Amino acid sequence: MPVKIFSCLVDGLNGQLVEVEADILPGMSAFTIVGLGDTSVMESRERIRSAIKTTKAVYPQQKKIINLAPASLRKHGPTFDLPIAVALLVASRQIEANCHDTLFVGELALNGSLRPVQNAVSIALFARENNWQKIILPLENFAEANLVKGPELIPVTTLAEVIKILNGESQPQIPKPKRPTIAIQTESTFDLIKGQSEAKHALQIAAAGRHHILMYGSPGIGKTILAKSLAELLPPLSQTEIFETTRIYSACGKLSSEQPLVQTRPFREVHHTASLSSITGGGNPLKPGEISLAHNGVLFLDELPEFPRSHLEVLRQPLESREIHLSRQNRQTIFPAGFTLVAAMNPCPCGNYGDTEKPCICSPQTILNYRKKLSGPLLDRIDLSIRLTRPLLKTTKVEKSLDQIKFEIQLASERQERRFQNSKLRNNSEITSINLSKYIKLDEASENYLQNLAQQKSLSPRAQVQLLKVALTIADLKNLDQPGQAEIAEAWHFKQMQ
């Protein structure tokens, strides 16, 4: 009589139930797996055969059929090793337990031990949302899955241990959750920056409101180190952000049992030779790309004009919606992409256009062609632009300390938290034209100033909305409820390409 064991397949970041049906029929020994499994699923037959024999259980010698349902869903990965093995043992009556409320996930080694699988967080979240009572999973996935409160987690190390637990011969050993360690940064990148007070202020605005920023200037002027310092300025991750970010890194297999949480803001630096799928996400199965790995953190694109135009244009949607929609064959997946973009570029191919010390050797047409690599719609989605000049390594000007800047950013973030407490928004950069009037109310003088500026500079409606969002962040840093004419003027100063 066929038996049924349950498992979970994660496609993108969403879990889907998979029923593992097993039947043992009279006939010559054969092992057939149906249900649209990939190569790793089909190869599980040999792993399961060796694992069952190693545990001293009886490997059925009759004809064995495994059906992974639904058959229309492509199955991938070694996640189904454990549920297939358990299904065979239940079908051969070596396990008598009722497993109707339990999910099984795990990869089997030839000696019967269990190896960890990816997406443990998403699997646990699926179990909680669909009222599954228990999950039997590898011990190395326990700390990661334990982030999701709800289903009972039963960590195991071997198939033999699973058999004993299901037959009531032993009790599961639940380990004490390890306290995740926090990486300590011994030296601040921000403290290494000398001068560049205007650029530091632009970074402060970007960090406070999560605004995208473009920096341009001569080579070696400090664009890269400024970009890396932005992650230091961002407030610490909230509990919600920790869970979101950890779930993405779990899907990519970038977590370990010693460090099951992502507790610091991600900083992802992408080289211009990176493929399109590595940036946006893709593959088979679909996995998040760099823009999703930078979720709740910073995405740094250096030498922006050197990226292929197709790679840059695909960023237009996530820069606004903060998510990426991927369509591959018959599958559609949405990955989060709420990153803060920091882009850097030279003013011309030789890098010296506008430099007071080094001559530019580029012709006007060469400079024009270089800048035309960046489309107007892409630049229109970047809130802040700053031109870097050569800093004075010795300066007598008193600048704000890192602690003071971070304190002001924290206060601005708390203001935004109170402002958006009854909505799904988190920061000023997420305000849209639809809800703009709800959060930004200008006085008559400021309204007239904005309208005159829009007419003189031919600003698009999107540019006007971005201008007001940046002005609101500047007002938050000044501890003001609403932006005024001065804040709009400052926002325009950082918006225009100087």
Protein backbone atom coordinates (compact mmCIF):
# COMPACT_ATOMS: atom_id res chain seq x y z
CA MET A 1 0.00 0.00 0.00
CA PRO A 2 1.48 3.41 -0.90
CA VAL A 3 2.60 5.67 1.94
CA LYS A 4 3.01 9.41 1.98
CA ILE A 5 5.72 11.54 3.60
CA PHE A 6 5.87 15.33 3.35
CA SER A 7 8.71 17.65 2.48
CA CYS A 8 9.19 21.22 1.26
CA LEU A 9 10.65 22.69 -1.92
CA VAL A 10 11.81 26.31 -1.86
CA ASP A 11 11.49 28.08 -5.20
CA GLY A 12 13.03 31.53 -4.89
CA LEU A 13 12.19 32.40 -1.29
CA ASN A 14 8.77 30.72 -1.13
CA GLY A 15 8.19 27.20 0.12
CA GLN A 16 5.89 24.69 -1.59
CA LEU A 17 4.64 21.41 -0.23
CA VAL A 18 5.99 18.25 -1.85
CA GLU A 19 4.35 14.89 -1.18
CA VAL A 20 6.78 11.98 -1.27
CA GLU A 21 4.75 8.88 -2.12
CA ALA A 22 6.40 5.47 -1.87
CA ASP A 23 5.16 2.05 -2.93
CA ILE A 24 6.87 -1.35 -2.88
CA LEU A 25 5.59 -3.80 -5.51
CA PRO A 26 6.38 -7.42 -6.35
CA GLY A 27 9.03 -7.85 -9.00
CA MET A 28 12.73 -7.60 -9.61
CA SER A 29 14.67 -5.06 -7.58
CA ALA A 30 14.38 -1.62 -9.15
CA PHE A 31 14.28 1.92 -7.83
CA THR A 32 12.31 4.47 -9.83
CA ILE A 33 11.78 8.14 -8.97
CA VAL A 34 9.14 10.08 -10.91
CA GLY A 35 7.85 13.60 -10.47
CA LEU A 36 10.07 15.85 -12.57
CA GLY A 37 13.23 15.68 -10.47
CA ASP A 38 16.58 17.05 -11.60
CA THR A 39 19.88 15.16 -11.66
CA SER A 40 20.57 15.61 -7.94
CA VAL A 41 17.14 14.14 -7.14
CA MET A 42 17.69 11.15 -9.41
CA GLU A 43 21.15 10.52 -7.95
CA SER A 44 19.59 10.26 -4.50
CA ARG A 45 18.79 6.60 -5.25
CA GLU A 46 22.41 5.57 -4.72
CA ARG A 47 22.85 7.74 -1.64
CA ILE A 48 19.68 6.33 -0.09
CA ARG A 49 20.61 2.73 -0.88
CA SER A 50 24.00 3.06 0.82
CA ALA A 51 22.62 5.08 3.76
CA ILE A 52 19.90 2.51 4.57
CA LYS A 53 22.37 -0.38 4.44
CA THR A 54 24.89 1.50 6.60
CA THR A 55 22.28 2.08 9.30
CA LYS A 56 21.70 -1.70 9.39
CA ALA A 57 18.12 -1.28 8.26
CA VAL A 58 16.76 -3.61 5.57
CA TYR A 59 16.92 -2.21 2.05
CA PRO A 60 13.83 -3.48 0.18
CA GLN A 61 14.79 -5.77 -2.67
CA GLN A 62 11.46 -5.53 -4.52
CA LYS A 63 10.40 -2.95 -7.07
CA LYS A 64 10.35 0.51 -5.46
CA ILE A 65 8.52 3.55 -6.85
CA ILE A 66 8.84 7.09 -5.50
CA ASN A 67 6.49 9.81 -6.73
CA LEU A 68 7.24 13.46 -5.95
CA ALA A 69 3.97 15.35 -6.20
CA PRO A 70 2.84 17.64 -7.67
CA ALA A 71 4.35 16.20 -10.82
CA SER A 72 4.14 19.54 -12.65
CA LEU A 73 6.58 21.18 -10.22
CA ARG A 74 10.27 20.73 -11.02
CA LYS A 75 12.15 19.34 -8.00
CA HIS A 76 15.78 20.21 -7.40
CA GLY A 77 18.50 19.66 -4.86
CA PRO A 78 19.28 16.92 -2.34
CA THR A 79 16.61 18.12 0.14
CA PHE A 80 14.45 15.05 -0.58
CA ASP A 81 17.03 12.39 0.39
CA LEU A 82 15.72 12.07 3.94
CA PRO A 83 11.97 12.04 3.14
CA ILE A 84 12.49 9.46 0.36
CA ALA A 85 14.48 7.21 2.70
CA VAL A 86 11.86 7.56 5.45
CA ALA A 87 9.07 6.84 2.95
CA LEU A 88 10.78 3.61 1.87
CA LEU A 89 11.26 2.53 5.50
CA VAL A 90 7.61 3.29 6.30
CA ALA A 91 6.45 1.41 3.20
CA SER A 92 8.55 -1.59 4.25
CA ARG A 93 7.12 -1.33 7.79
CA GLN A 94 10.45 -0.66 9.46
CA ILE A 95 9.01 2.64 10.76
CA GLU A 96 5.56 2.53 12.36
CA ALA A 97 5.16 6.21 13.25
CA ASN A 98 2.40 8.44 11.89
CA CYS A 99 4.18 11.30 10.11
CA HIS A 100 1.16 13.24 8.82
CA ASP A 101 2.11 16.42 10.76
CA THR A 102 5.86 16.37 10.07
CA LEU A 103 8.08 17.81 7.34
CA PHE A 104 11.34 16.03 6.49
CA VAL A 105 14.35 17.71 4.85
CA GLY A 106 17.97 16.65 4.63
CA GLU A 107 20.74 15.35 2.40
CA LEU A 108 22.09 11.87 3.12
CA ALA A 109 25.72 10.87 3.00
CA LEU A 110 26.70 7.33 2.04
CA ASN A 111 27.41 6.47 5.70
CA GLY A 112 23.90 7.54 6.75
CA SER A 113 24.82 10.88 8.23
CA LEU A 114 22.87 14.01 7.37
CA ARG A 115 24.30 17.05 5.63
CA PRO A 116 22.73 20.52 5.87
CA VAL A 117 20.46 21.92 3.17
CA GLN A 118 19.82 25.45 1.97
CA ASN A 119 16.73 27.56 2.69
CA ALA A 120 16.19 26.28 6.23
CA VAL A 121 14.66 29.65 7.21
CA SER A 122 12.19 29.60 4.32
CA ILE A 123 11.27 25.98 5.08
CA ALA A 124 10.57 26.81 8.73
CA LEU A 125 8.56 29.86 7.68
CA PHE A 126 6.51 27.71 5.29
CA ALA A 127 5.85 25.21 8.10
CA ARG A 128 4.66 27.97 10.43
CA GLU A 129 2.39 29.58 7.85
CA ASN A 130 0.80 26.23 6.96
CA ASN A 131 0.44 24.88 10.52
CA TRP A 132 2.92 22.02 10.32
CA GLN A 133 3.73 20.79 13.82
CA LYS A 134 7.24 19.35 13.39
CA ILE A 135 10.28 19.56 11.14
CA ILE A 136 12.95 16.86 11.16
CA LEU A 137 16.09 18.43 9.74
CA PRO A 138 19.91 18.18 9.92
CA LEU A 139 21.51 19.39 13.14
CA GLU A 140 23.56 22.01 11.28
CA ASN A 141 20.35 23.69 10.09
CA PHE A 142 18.84 23.92 13.58
CA ALA A 143 20.24 27.31 14.62
CA GLU A 144 19.18 28.86 11.33
CA ALA A 145 15.64 27.40 11.33
CA ASN A 146 15.23 28.28 14.99
CA LEU A 147 14.89 31.94 13.96
CA VAL A 148 11.28 31.08 13.06
CA LYS A 149 9.19 30.48 16.15
CA GLY A 150 6.33 28.04 15.83
CA PRO A 151 6.97 24.50 14.55
CA GLU A 152 8.85 22.02 16.72
CA LEU A 153 12.33 21.44 15.34
CA ILE A 154 13.86 17.97 15.68
CA PRO A 155 17.55 18.13 14.71
CA VAL A 156 19.20 14.85 13.79
CA THR A 157 22.65 13.77 12.67
CA THR A 158 22.05 10.32 11.11
CA LEU A 159 19.31 8.30 9.46
CA ALA A 160 19.62 5.74 12.27
CA GLU A 161 18.74 8.48 14.75
CA VAL A 162 15.65 9.37 12.71
CA ILE A 163 14.49 5.73 12.77
CA LYS A 164 14.89 5.48 16.54
CA ILE A 165 13.05 8.75 17.17
CA LEU A 166 10.12 7.84 14.90
CA ASN A 167 9.85 4.36 16.45
CA GLY A 168 9.90 5.83 19.95
CA GLU A 169 13.17 4.15 20.89
CA SER A 170 14.88 7.44 21.79
CA GLN A 171 14.04 11.06 22.44
CA PRO A 172 15.34 13.89 20.24
CA GLN A 173 18.22 15.87 21.69
CA ILE A 174 17.49 19.57 21.28
CA PRO A 175 20.71 21.59 21.45
CA LYS A 176 20.88 24.88 23.28
CA PRO A 177 20.80 27.64 20.68
CA LYS A 178 24.20 29.25 20.24
CA ARG A 179 24.47 32.94 20.82
CA PRO A 180 25.56 34.35 17.45
CA THR A 181 28.78 36.29 17.51
CA ILE A 182 28.96 39.81 16.18
CA ALA A 183 31.93 40.74 14.03
CA ILE A 184 33.81 43.64 15.59
CA GLN A 185 35.30 46.17 13.22
CA THR A 186 38.54 47.36 14.72
CA GLU A 187 39.06 50.38 12.49
CA SER A 188 36.42 52.67 11.04
CA THR A 189 36.61 53.33 7.30
CA PHE A 190 34.92 56.68 7.81
CA ASP A 191 37.69 57.88 10.12
CA LEU A 192 40.25 57.33 7.35
CA ILE A 193 38.62 59.98 5.13
CA LYS A 194 40.39 63.32 5.29
CA GLY A 195 38.50 66.38 4.15
CA GLN A 196 35.58 65.83 1.75
CA SER A 197 33.14 67.47 4.18
CA GLU A 198 30.50 67.99 1.49
CA ALA A 199 30.70 64.37 0.39
CA LYS A 200 30.42 63.25 4.02
CA HIS A 201 27.31 65.36 4.43
CA ALA A 202 25.81 63.83 1.26
CA LEU A 203 26.53 60.35 2.67
CA GLN A 204 24.85 61.35 5.91
CA ILE A 205 21.71 62.35 3.99
CA ALA A 206 21.85 59.11 1.99
CA ALA A 207 22.18 57.02 5.16
CA ALA A 208 19.42 58.86 7.01
CA GLY A 209 16.82 58.46 4.25
CA ARG A 210 18.25 55.46 2.30
CA HIS A 211 18.72 57.61 -0.81
CA HIS A 212 20.73 56.46 -3.83
CA ILE A 213 23.89 58.48 -4.46
CA LEU A 214 26.31 58.98 -7.36
CA MET A 215 29.86 60.19 -6.76
CA TYR A 216 32.12 61.31 -9.58
CA GLY A 217 35.64 62.66 -9.65
CA SER A 218 39.22 61.93 -10.65
CA PRO A 219 40.80 58.51 -9.97
CA GLY A 220 42.22 58.02 -6.49
CA ILE A 221 40.20 60.84 -5.00
CA GLY A 222 38.41 58.67 -2.44
CA LYS A 223 35.18 57.46 -4.10
CA THR A 224 35.62 53.84 -3.08
CA ILE A 225 36.46 54.49 0.55
CA LEU A 226 33.53 56.90 0.83
CA ALA A 227 31.20 54.25 -0.58
CA LYS A 228 32.42 51.65 1.92
CA SER A 229 31.89 54.05 4.79
CA LEU A 230 28.17 54.37 4.03
CA ALA A 231 27.47 50.93 5.50
CA GLU A 232 29.00 52.15 8.78
CA LEU A 233 26.68 55.15 8.89
CA LEU A 234 23.47 53.17 8.44
CA PRO A 235 21.57 52.39 11.67
CA PRO A 236 21.78 48.82 13.03
CA LEU A 237 19.52 46.23 11.49
CA SER A 238 16.12 45.85 13.14
CA GLN A 239 14.77 42.40 14.03
CA THR A 240 12.60 42.43 10.92
CA GLU A 241 15.56 43.39 8.73
CA ILE A 242 17.76 40.71 10.32
CA PHE A 243 15.18 38.05 9.44
CA GLU A 244 14.71 39.34 5.88
CA THR A 245 18.44 39.51 5.18
CA THR A 246 19.16 36.14 6.79
CA ARG A 247 16.47 34.51 4.67
CA ILE A 248 18.11 35.76 1.48
CA TYR A 249 21.58 34.59 2.51
CA SER A 250 20.10 31.24 3.53
CA ALA A 251 18.69 30.81 0.02
CA CYS A 252 22.20 31.30 -1.36
CA GLY A 253 23.84 28.93 1.13
CA LYS A 254 25.91 31.72 2.65
CA LEU A 255 25.14 30.95 6.31
CA SER A 256 26.86 28.65 8.76
CA SER A 257 25.74 26.95 11.97
CA GLU A 258 28.18 29.17 13.90
CA GLN A 259 26.77 32.38 12.39
CA PRO A 260 23.12 31.72 11.48
CA LEU A 261 22.13 35.39 11.44
CA VAL A 262 23.15 38.33 9.31
CA GLN A 263 23.50 41.05 11.92
CA THR A 264 25.40 43.74 10.04
CA ARG A 265 24.37 45.79 7.02
CA PRO A 266 25.40 43.98 3.82
CA PHE A 267 27.92 45.72 1.57
CA ARG A 268 28.10 44.21 -1.90
CA GLU A 269 30.69 45.52 -4.35
CA VAL A 270 29.98 44.44 -7.92
CA HIS A 271 32.62 44.47 -10.65
CA HIS A 272 31.64 45.68 -14.09
CA THR A 273 32.50 42.28 -15.60
CA ALA A 274 29.78 40.56 -13.54
CA SER A 275 27.11 38.73 -15.53
CA LEU A 276 23.53 39.95 -15.67
CA SER A 277 22.15 36.94 -13.79
CA SER A 278 24.71 37.32 -10.99
CA ILE A 279 23.49 40.89 -10.47
CA THR A 280 19.73 40.40 -10.77
CA GLY A 281 19.45 36.74 -9.75
CA GLY A 282 18.64 33.70 -11.82
CA GLY A 283 19.93 30.22 -12.53
CA ASN A 284 18.17 26.91 -12.12
CA PRO A 285 16.87 26.86 -9.46
CA LEU A 286 16.35 30.61 -9.16
CA LYS A 287 18.63 32.23 -6.61
CA PRO A 288 18.96 35.84 -5.46
CA GLY A 289 21.58 38.02 -7.13
CA GLU A 290 23.79 40.80 -5.83
CA ILE A 291 20.99 43.35 -5.68
CA SER A 292 19.06 41.02 -3.34
CA LEU A 293 22.15 40.15 -1.29
CA ALA A 294 22.48 43.91 -0.74
CA HIS A 295 18.91 44.10 0.63
CA ASN A 296 18.83 46.35 3.72
CA GLY A 297 22.41 47.33 2.94
CA VAL A 298 24.60 48.95 0.30
CA LEU A 299 25.17 48.03 -3.35
CA PHE A 300 28.36 49.60 -4.69
CA LEU A 301 28.90 49.91 -8.44
CA ASP A 302 32.32 51.33 -9.20
CA GLU A 303 33.23 52.64 -12.66
CA LEU A 304 29.53 52.89 -13.49
CA PRO A 305 29.88 53.70 -17.23
CA GLU A 306 31.98 50.55 -17.71
CA PHE A 307 28.98 48.32 -16.96
CA PRO A 308 27.09 47.05 -20.02
CA ARG A 309 24.07 49.22 -20.68
CA SER A 310 21.72 46.24 -20.33
CA HIS A 311 23.06 45.58 -16.82
CA LEU A 312 22.37 49.16 -15.75
CA GLU A 313 18.94 49.47 -17.32
CA VAL A 314 17.70 46.41 -15.47
CA LEU A 315 18.29 48.32 -12.23
CA ARG A 316 15.62 50.87 -13.06
CA GLN A 317 12.76 48.80 -11.65
CA PRO A 318 14.38 47.75 -8.33
CA LEU A 319 15.69 51.28 -7.72
CA GLU A 320 12.06 52.40 -7.45
CA SER A 321 10.06 49.37 -6.35
CA ARG A 322 12.86 47.87 -4.20
CA GLU A 323 12.18 44.39 -5.54
CA ILE A 324 13.16 42.47 -8.66
CA HIS A 325 10.73 40.43 -10.76
CA LEU A 326 12.31 37.46 -12.52
CA SER A 327 10.60 35.38 -15.19
CA ARG A 328 12.24 32.15 -16.32
CA GLN A 329 10.33 29.76 -18.59
CA ASN A 330 7.10 29.05 -16.68
CA ARG A 331 8.22 30.51 -13.36
CA GLN A 332 7.91 33.99 -11.95
CA THR A 333 9.71 34.95 -8.75
CA ILE A 334 9.99 38.17 -6.81
CA PHE A 335 13.14 38.79 -4.78
CA PRO A 336 13.51 41.73 -2.38
CA ALA A 337 15.99 44.39 -3.50
CA GLY A 338 15.73 47.19 -0.97
CA PHE A 339 19.33 48.32 -1.30
CA THR A 340 20.92 51.74 -1.15
CA LEU A 341 22.85 52.28 -4.37
CA VAL A 342 26.24 53.95 -4.23
CA ALA A 343 27.63 54.49 -7.71
CA ALA A 344 31.01 55.94 -8.62
CA MET A 345 32.41 57.12 -11.93
CA ASN A 346 35.16 59.19 -13.49
CA PRO A 347 34.16 62.41 -15.27
CA CYS A 348 35.74 61.15 -18.52
CA PRO A 349 37.69 58.11 -19.80
CA CYS A 350 41.06 59.53 -18.71
CA GLY A 351 39.52 60.67 -15.43
CA ASN A 352 40.94 64.21 -15.41
CA TYR A 353 38.13 66.30 -16.88
CA GLY A 354 37.63 69.30 -14.59
CA ASP A 355 40.77 68.53 -12.58
CA THR A 356 42.76 71.65 -11.71
CA GLU A 357 46.09 69.81 -11.51
CA LYS A 358 46.04 67.23 -14.32
CA PRO A 359 45.08 67.98 -17.93
CA CYS A 360 42.31 66.03 -19.65
CA ILE A 361 43.34 64.34 -22.91
CA CYS A 362 39.79 63.43 -23.98
CA SER A 363 38.01 65.19 -26.83
CA PRO A 364 34.56 66.72 -26.21
CA GLN A 365 32.94 63.99 -28.29
CA THR A 366 34.74 61.29 -26.30
CA ILE A 367 33.50 62.82 -23.05
CA LEU A 368 29.97 63.04 -24.44
CA ASN A 369 29.99 59.41 -25.57
CA TYR A 370 31.33 58.34 -22.19
CA ARG A 371 28.52 60.04 -20.30
CA LYS A 372 25.89 58.85 -22.78
CA LYS A 373 26.50 55.33 -21.50
CA LEU A 374 24.27 56.34 -18.57
CA SER A 375 20.68 56.84 -19.65
CA GLY A 376 18.56 59.73 -18.45
CA PRO A 377 15.92 57.46 -16.83
CA LEU A 378 18.63 55.73 -14.79
CA LEU A 379 20.19 58.99 -13.58
CA ASP A 380 16.71 60.32 -12.84
CA ARG A 381 16.30 57.58 -10.23
CA ILE A 382 19.44 58.57 -8.32
CA ASP A 383 18.59 61.06 -5.58
CA LEU A 384 21.98 62.57 -4.80
CA SER A 385 24.99 63.48 -6.94
CA ILE A 386 28.27 64.83 -5.62
CA ARG A 387 31.45 65.85 -7.41
CA LEU A 388 34.59 65.08 -5.41
CA THR A 389 37.55 67.42 -5.48
CA ARG A 390 41.08 66.77 -4.33
CA PRO A 391 41.02 66.89 -0.52
CA LEU A 392 43.50 68.72 1.65
CA LEU A 393 45.15 66.08 3.79
CA LYS A 394 45.89 68.71 6.42
CA THR A 395 42.95 70.90 7.26
CA THR A 396 42.13 73.13 10.18
CA LYS A 397 38.39 72.93 9.58
CA VAL A 398 36.52 71.33 12.47
CA GLU A 399 34.39 68.45 11.20
CA LYS A 400 31.71 66.37 12.83
CA SER A 401 32.88 63.22 14.52
CA LEU A 402 31.64 59.81 13.39
CA ASP A 403 29.69 59.38 16.63
CA GLN A 404 27.93 62.70 16.16
CA ILE A 405 27.02 61.90 12.55
CA LYS A 406 25.68 58.46 13.50
CA PHE A 407 23.71 59.99 16.38
CA GLU A 408 22.03 62.47 14.02
CA ILE A 409 21.26 59.67 11.56
CA GLN A 410 19.75 57.58 14.35
CA LEU A 411 17.51 60.46 15.44
CA ALA A 412 16.40 60.99 11.82
CA SER A 413 15.66 57.27 11.49
CA GLU A 414 13.57 57.33 14.66
CA ARG A 415 11.64 60.28 13.25
CA GLN A 416 10.87 58.25 10.13
CA GLU A 417 9.87 55.27 12.22
CA ARG A 418 7.30 57.38 14.04
CA ARG A 419 6.16 58.96 10.78
CA PHE A 420 5.51 55.62 9.06
CA GLN A 421 4.40 53.56 12.07
CA ASN A 422 0.92 52.98 10.63
CA SER A 423 2.09 52.14 7.11
CA LYS A 424 4.35 49.67 5.31
CA LEU A 425 6.96 52.35 4.63
CA ARG A 426 10.23 52.37 6.56
CA ASN A 427 12.11 55.43 5.37
CA ASN A 428 11.73 58.58 3.29
CA SER A 429 13.07 57.06 0.07
CA GLU A 430 10.04 54.74 -0.10
CA ILE A 431 7.56 57.62 -0.35
CA THR A 432 5.79 57.66 -3.72
CA SER A 433 3.82 60.26 -5.62
CA ILE A 434 0.64 58.57 -4.38
CA ASN A 435 1.29 59.19 -0.68
CA LEU A 436 3.55 62.23 -1.01
CA SER A 437 0.91 64.74 0.13
CA LYS A 438 0.23 62.66 3.22
CA TYR A 439 3.75 63.07 4.59
CA ILE A 440 5.06 66.30 3.05
CA LYS A 441 3.13 69.56 3.44
CA LEU A 442 4.92 72.67 2.16
CA ASP A 443 4.13 76.24 3.12
CA GLU A 444 3.20 78.69 0.37
CA ALA A 445 6.70 80.15 -0.04
CA SER A 446 8.30 76.70 -0.32
CA GLU A 447 5.62 75.55 -2.77
CA ASN A 448 6.24 78.57 -5.00
CA TYR A 449 10.01 78.01 -4.83
CA LEU A 450 9.59 74.38 -5.90
CA GLN A 451 7.30 75.29 -8.79
CA ASN A 452 9.69 77.97 -10.06
CA LEU A 453 12.62 75.56 -9.79
CA ALA A 454 10.70 72.86 -11.65
CA GLN A 455 9.87 75.25 -14.49
CA GLN A 456 13.37 76.72 -14.80
CA LYS A 457 15.14 73.33 -14.73
CA SER A 458 12.39 71.36 -16.56
CA LEU A 459 12.14 68.83 -13.74
CA SER A 460 10.05 65.75 -14.35
CA PRO A 461 7.36 64.78 -11.82
CA ARG A 462 9.64 61.97 -10.61
CA ALA A 463 12.50 64.42 -10.07
CA GLN A 464 10.23 66.71 -8.07
CA VAL A 465 9.12 63.83 -5.85
CA GLN A 466 12.74 62.79 -5.27
CA LEU A 467 13.66 66.38 -4.50
CA LEU A 468 10.99 66.56 -1.81
CA LYS A 469 11.99 63.19 -0.32
CA VAL A 470 15.60 64.31 0.04
CA ALA A 471 14.44 67.66 1.46
CA LEU A 472 12.36 65.78 4.04
CA THR A 473 15.44 63.77 5.08
CA ILE A 474 17.45 66.98 5.41
CA ALA A 475 14.66 68.36 7.60
CA ASP A 476 14.77 65.19 9.73
CA LEU A 477 18.51 65.69 10.26
CA LYS A 478 17.76 69.25 11.37
CA ASN A 479 15.00 68.01 13.68
CA LEU A 480 12.31 69.80 11.65
CA ASP A 481 8.82 68.47 11.03
CA GLN A 482 8.59 69.64 7.42
CA PRO A 483 11.08 70.82 4.79
CA GLY A 484 11.24 74.47 3.84
CA GLN A 485 12.80 76.49 1.07
CA ALA A 486 16.32 76.01 2.47
CA GLU A 487 15.95 72.22 2.56
CA ILE A 488 14.60 72.11 -0.99
CA ALA A 489 17.49 74.26 -2.18
CA GLU A 490 20.00 71.96 -0.48
CA ALA A 491 18.32 68.92 -1.99
CA TRP A 492 18.57 70.50 -5.44
CA HIS A 493 22.26 71.25 -4.84
CA PHE A 494 22.88 67.52 -4.36
CA LYS A 495 20.59 66.47 -7.20
CA GLN A 496 22.13 68.34 -10.13
CA MET A 497 25.21 67.07 -11.94
CA GLN A 498 27.76 69.75 -11.14
